């Protein structure tokens, strides 16, 4: 080969290399420009969105400021109304306090009068207590006299009776002695039998004029007629599994009605009336 030919090939190769580099550089520039353009477009979109967001925030800030101004005005009005209400309430409390003081003074004056009246009443009560003591002493004396009047007689069964009561007061004395059970009764002619303790009593006849009566006594599944008995007369009968003495006395005889009491021993059965 000639030097001339070699020189031409070298020149052609160098030129091709330069052209290739230039093409690559141009292509790279195009790619970079495209990427830069895309980046700029995205940035512009973000800037637009940011501007819109700022505009919205500005509108919201304005609305918030408007609400704050309205709230401040309302609060100021409320504070003004509250101040007026406080003044009115204060005046009302002062008036109520004055009225309460007046009532307190009136009550103190009234209580002073009442204390004076109570003192008078206490003195009167002391006098009454003295009278009560005297009455109690008299009652005790009467009770002793009543005990003395209570007598013993032989009943219709021929047994010496216990103490006989001729009225309610004397009967109360017997009850307090505690020796026997005493059950008071009132019998009406024509009525159903009256249950006393473990027996039944039924009035058959009452003669007020002659102070006599007749009644039936039901005990231990048998009937006993107590005929033509007198006022305050002990009417006696035995009853029970181990027979014990029961005794009844009529203190009051009226038309078709008698009243009195039944005397039973302490162990003579359940002391109940019906």
Protein backbone atom coordinates (compact mmCIF):
# COMPACT_ATOMS: atom_id res chain seq x y z
CA UNK A 1 0.00 0.00 0.00
CA UNK A 2 0.99 3.52 -0.66
CA UNK A 3 1.32 6.12 2.05
CA UNK A 4 -1.28 8.15 0.30
CA UNK A 5 -3.87 5.43 0.59
CA UNK A 6 -3.12 4.89 4.23
CA UNK A 7 -3.47 8.57 4.93
CA UNK A 8 -6.88 8.70 3.29
CA UNK A 9 -8.16 5.77 5.38
CA UNK A 10 -6.98 7.34 8.54
CA UNK A 11 -8.67 10.58 7.67
CA UNK A 12 -11.93 8.81 6.76
CA UNK A 13 -11.87 6.87 10.01
CA UNK A 14 -11.30 9.97 12.06
CA UNK A 15 -14.08 11.76 10.25
CA UNK A 16 -16.47 8.88 10.86
CA UNK A 17 -15.57 8.85 14.51
CA UNK A 18 -16.22 12.57 14.79
CA UNK A 19 -19.55 12.21 13.03
CA UNK A 20 -20.49 9.32 15.32
CA UNK A 21 -19.57 11.28 18.41
CA UNK A 22 -21.53 14.25 17.12
CA UNK A 23 -24.59 12.06 16.48
CA UNK A 24 -24.35 10.54 19.93
CA UNK A 25 -23.96 13.97 21.49
CA UNK A 26 -26.97 15.25 19.51
CA UNK A 27 -29.04 12.25 20.49
CA UNK A 28 -28.04 12.70 24.12
CA UNK A 29 -28.94 16.38 23.89
CA UNK A 30 -32.34 15.49 22.49
CA UNK A 31 -32.96 13.01 25.29
CA UNK A 32 -31.81 15.54 27.88
CA UNK A 33 -34.02 18.21 26.38
CA UNK A 34 -37.02 15.88 26.35
CA UNK A 35 -36.43 14.91 29.96
CA UNK A 36 -35.92 18.53 30.93
CA UNK A 37 -39.11 19.52 29.16
CA UNK A 38 -41.06 16.81 31.00
CA UNK A 39 -39.54 17.90 34.30
CA UNK A 40 -40.41 21.51 33.62
CA UNK A 41 -44.00 20.51 32.75
CA UNK A 42 -44.41 18.58 35.98
CA UNK A 43 -42.89 21.48 37.93
CA UNK A 44 -45.29 23.91 36.27
CA UNK A 45 -48.24 21.66 37.23
CA UNK A 46 -47.03 21.55 40.84
CA UNK A 47 -46.66 25.31 40.87
CA UNK A 48 -50.23 25.70 39.51
CA UNK A 49 -51.57 23.27 42.13
CA UNK A 50 -49.64 25.11 44.84
CA UNK A 51 -51.11 28.40 43.67
CA UNK A 52 -54.62 26.92 43.78
CA UNK A 53 -53.95 25.52 47.29
CA UNK A 54 -52.68 28.90 48.44
CA UNK A 55 -55.79 30.54 47.02
CA UNK A 56 -58.02 28.06 48.88
CA UNK A 57 -56.06 28.59 52.11
CA UNK A 58 -56.42 32.33 51.69
CA UNK A 59 -60.19 31.97 51.29
CA UNK A 60 -60.39 29.71 54.36
CA UNK A 61 -58.27 32.19 56.33
CA UNK A 62 -60.61 35.00 55.37
CA UNK A 63 -63.65 32.94 56.40
CA UNK A 64 -61.98 32.08 59.72
CA UNK A 65 -61.17 35.73 60.36
CA UNK A 66 -64.79 36.63 59.62
CA UNK A 67 -66.06 34.01 62.08
CA UNK A 68 -63.60 35.23 64.72
CA UNK A 69 -64.82 38.81 64.28
CA UNK A 70 -68.45 37.65 64.61
CA UNK A 71 -67.60 35.56 67.68
CA UNK A 72 -65.83 38.51 69.28
CA UNK A 73 -68.86 40.71 68.76
CA UNK A 74 -71.20 38.03 70.21
CA UNK A 75 -68.89 37.47 73.18
CA UNK A 76 -68.78 41.17 73.86
CA UNK A 77 -72.56 41.33 73.81
CA UNK A 78 -72.77 38.26 76.11
CA UNK A 79 -70.30 39.79 78.55
CA UNK A 80 -72.36 42.94 78.58
CA UNK A 81 -75.57 40.97 79.28
CA UNK A 82 -73.80 38.90 81.96
CA UNK A 83 -72.66 42.03 83.74
CA UNK A 84 -76.23 43.32 83.81
CA UNK A 85 -77.48 39.96 85.10
CA UNK A 86 -74.83 40.00 87.85
CA UNK A 87 -75.93 43.44 88.97
CA UNK A 88 -79.60 42.42 89.02
CA UNK A 89 -78.80 39.22 90.93
CA UNK A 90 -76.72 41.15 93.46
CA UNK A 91 -79.58 43.54 94.11
CA UNK A 92 -81.97 40.59 94.52
CA UNK A 93 -79.65 38.88 97.03
CA UNK A 94 -79.32 42.07 99.05
CA UNK A 95 -83.12 42.44 99.15
CA UNK A 96 -83.54 38.80 100.23
CA UNK A 97 -80.93 39.28 102.97
CA UNK A 98 -82.78 42.31 104.32
CA UNK A 99 -86.06 40.37 104.31
CA UNK A 100 -84.42 37.43 106.08
CA UNK A 101 -83.01 39.74 108.74
CA UNK A 102 -86.45 41.20 109.29
CA UNK A 103 -88.02 37.75 109.65
CA UNK A 104 -85.24 36.72 112.05
CA UNK A 105 -85.93 39.71 114.26
CA UNK A 106 -89.65 38.91 114.23
CA UNK A 107 -88.95 35.25 115.12
CA UNK A 108 -86.67 36.28 117.99
CA UNK A 109 -89.37 38.53 119.38
CA UNK A 110 -91.98 35.76 119.01
CA UNK A 111 -89.68 33.18 120.63
CA UNK A 112 -89.12 35.49 123.58
CA UNK A 113 -92.87 35.64 124.12
CA UNK A 114 -93.17 31.86 123.75
CA UNK A 115 -90.37 31.28 126.26
CA UNK A 116 -92.25 33.39 128.76
CA UNK A 117 -95.42 31.40 128.08
CA UNK A 118 -93.52 28.09 128.44
CA UNK A 119 -92.12 29.19 131.77
CA UNK A 120 -95.66 29.87 132.93
CA UNK A 121 -96.77 26.45 131.63
CA UNK A 122 -93.86 24.74 133.42
CA UNK A 123 -94.93 26.30 136.68
CA UNK A 124 -98.47 25.09 136.00
CA UNK A 125 -97.21 21.59 135.19
CA UNK A 126 -95.32 21.47 138.46
CA UNK A 127 -98.57 22.25 140.23
CA UNK A 128 -100.33 19.53 138.22
CA UNK A 129 -97.61 17.02 139.11
CA UNK A 130 -98.24 17.71 142.75
CA UNK A 131 -101.90 17.07 142.16
CA UNK A 132 -101.12 13.83 140.31
CA UNK A 133 -99.03 12.60 143.22
CA UNK A 134 -101.99 13.25 145.48
CA UNK A 135 -104.27 11.38 143.03
CA UNK A 136 -101.87 8.41 142.95
CA UNK A 137 -101.89 8.23 146.72
CA UNK A 138 -105.69 8.34 146.66
CA UNK A 139 -105.80 5.60 143.99
CA UNK A 140 -103.55 3.37 146.08
CA UNK A 141 -105.86 3.93 149.03
CA UNK A 142 -108.89 3.07 146.90
CA UNK A 143 -107.14 -0.07 145.63
CA UNK A 144 -106.48 -1.27 149.12
CA UNK A 145 -110.09 -0.59 150.00
CA UNK A 146 -111.21 -2.56 146.92
CA UNK A 147 -109.04 -5.53 147.93
CA UNK A 148 -110.69 -5.46 151.34
CA UNK A 149 -114.16 -5.53 149.76
CA UNK A 150 -113.36 -8.59 147.63
CA UNK A 151 -114.94 -11.56 149.34
CA UNK A 152 -114.96 -15.34 149.26
CA UNK A 153 -118.22 -17.29 148.96
CA UNK A 154 -119.28 -20.87 148.32
CA UNK A 155 -120.16 -21.51 144.69
CA UNK A 156 -123.11 -23.44 143.29
CA UNK A 157 -120.95 -26.60 143.23
CA UNK A 158 -120.39 -26.32 146.97
CA UNK A 159 -116.74 -25.31 146.62
CA UNK A 160 -115.30 -22.30 148.39
CA UNK A 161 -114.77 -19.77 145.64
CA UNK A 162 -111.79 -17.58 145.14
CA UNK A 163 -112.08 -13.84 145.49
CA UNK A 164 -115.21 -12.58 143.71
CA UNK A 165 -115.26 -9.33 141.70
CA UNK A 166 -118.58 -7.53 141.44
CA UNK A 167 -117.48 -4.91 138.89
CA UNK A 168 -114.76 -4.16 136.35
CA UNK A 169 -112.47 -2.34 138.79
CA UNK A 170 -112.49 -5.23 141.21
CA UNK A 171 -111.84 -7.61 138.32
CA UNK A 172 -108.73 -5.61 137.36
CA UNK A 173 -107.47 -6.13 140.92
CA UNK A 174 -107.92 -9.88 140.54
CA UNK A 175 -106.10 -9.87 137.19
CA UNK A 176 -103.11 -8.13 138.73
CA UNK A 177 -102.89 -10.70 141.49
CA UNK A 178 -101.99 -13.25 138.82
CA UNK A 179 -103.41 -16.28 140.63
CA UNK A 180 -105.82 -17.24 137.82
CA UNK A 181 -106.81 -16.28 134.28
CA UNK A 182 -109.80 -13.93 133.95
CA UNK A 183 -111.73 -13.59 130.68
CA UNK A 184 -114.52 -11.03 130.41
CA UNK A 185 -117.62 -11.77 128.31
CA UNK A 186 -120.98 -10.41 127.21
CA UNK A 187 -123.68 -12.89 126.14
CA UNK A 188 -126.73 -12.02 124.06
CA UNK A 189 -129.85 -14.16 124.16
CA UNK A 190 -130.39 -15.97 120.84
CA UNK A 191 -126.76 -15.53 119.74
CA UNK A 192 -124.41 -18.38 118.86
CA UNK A 193 -122.30 -19.89 121.68
CA UNK A 194 -119.30 -17.79 122.71
CA UNK A 195 -115.94 -19.57 122.99
CA UNK A 196 -113.92 -18.74 126.11
CA UNK A 197 -110.71 -20.66 126.76
CA UNK A 198 -111.78 -24.30 126.15
CA UNK A 199 -115.52 -23.94 126.83
CA UNK A 200 -118.56 -22.37 125.15
CA UNK A 201 -121.25 -20.25 126.83
CA UNK A 202 -124.74 -19.56 125.48
CA UNK A 203 -127.34 -17.37 127.18
CA UNK A 204 -130.82 -18.89 127.37
CA UNK A 205 -132.67 -16.43 129.62
CA UNK A 206 -132.04 -13.05 131.35
CA UNK A 207 -134.49 -11.71 133.98
CA UNK A 208 -133.42 -8.13 134.65
CA UNK A 209 -136.23 -7.49 137.16
CA UNK A 210 -135.29 -10.37 139.45
CA UNK A 211 -131.53 -10.38 138.60
CA UNK A 212 -131.62 -14.00 137.47
CA UNK A 213 -130.31 -15.76 134.34
CA UNK A 214 -129.95 -19.19 132.74
CA UNK A 215 -127.12 -20.30 130.42
CA UNK A 216 -125.62 -23.43 128.89
CA UNK A 217 -121.98 -24.43 129.45
CA UNK A 218 -120.41 -26.72 126.81
CA UNK A 219 -117.21 -28.46 127.92
CA UNK A 220 -115.58 -31.83 127.23
CA UNK A 221 -118.28 -32.71 124.65
CA UNK A 222 -121.06 -32.35 127.17
CA UNK A 223 -123.59 -29.61 127.88
CA UNK A 224 -124.32 -28.31 131.40
CA UNK A 225 -127.34 -26.10 132.05
CA UNK A 226 -126.82 -23.48 134.76
CA UNK A 227 -130.39 -22.50 135.53
CA UNK A 228 -131.80 -19.54 137.46
CA UNK A 229 -128.45 -18.21 138.68
CA UNK A 230 -128.14 -14.88 140.53
CA UNK A 231 -126.11 -11.71 140.17
CA UNK A 232 -122.48 -12.06 141.43
CA UNK A 233 -123.08 -15.75 142.19
CA UNK A 234 -120.05 -18.02 141.53
CA UNK A 235 -121.13 -20.62 138.97
CA UNK A 236 -118.72 -23.58 139.15
CA UNK A 237 -117.93 -26.62 136.98
CA UNK A 238 -115.02 -28.97 136.34
CA UNK A 239 -113.43 -29.58 132.94
CA UNK A 240 -110.25 -30.92 131.36
CA UNK A 241 -108.39 -34.21 131.12
CA UNK A 242 -107.42 -33.81 134.76
CA UNK A 243 -110.57 -31.97 135.87
CA UNK A 244 -109.92 -28.52 137.29
CA UNK A 245 -112.35 -25.96 138.64
CA UNK A 246 -113.68 -23.28 136.33
CA UNK A 247 -115.82 -20.47 137.69
CA UNK A 248 -117.95 -17.79 136.08
CA UNK A 249 -119.59 -14.75 137.61
CA UNK A 250 -122.23 -12.50 136.03
CA UNK A 251 -121.98 -8.89 137.25
CA UNK A 252 -124.56 -7.23 134.96
CA UNK A 253 -128.00 -8.50 133.96
CA UNK A 254 -129.94 -6.54 131.35
CA UNK A 255 -132.84 -7.33 129.07
CA UNK A 256 -131.74 -10.37 127.01
CA UNK A 257 -128.06 -9.72 127.85
CA UNK A 258 -125.59 -10.50 130.64
CA UNK A 259 -121.94 -9.54 131.24
CA UNK A 260 -119.33 -10.99 133.55
CA UNK A 261 -116.11 -12.97 133.59
CA UNK A 262 -114.77 -16.52 133.48
CA UNK A 263 -112.05 -17.56 135.95
CA UNK A 264 -109.73 -20.44 134.98
CA UNK A 265 -106.66 -21.90 136.69
CA UNK A 266 -103.28 -20.94 135.26
CA UNK A 267 -102.77 -24.47 133.92
CA UNK A 268 -106.36 -24.82 132.83
CA UNK A 269 -105.83 -24.34 129.14
CA UNK A 270 -105.11 -21.55 126.71
CA UNK A 271 -106.48 -18.23 127.97
CA UNK A 272 -108.20 -16.91 124.85
CA UNK A 273 -111.61 -15.53 124.07
CA UNK A 274 -113.57 -15.56 120.82
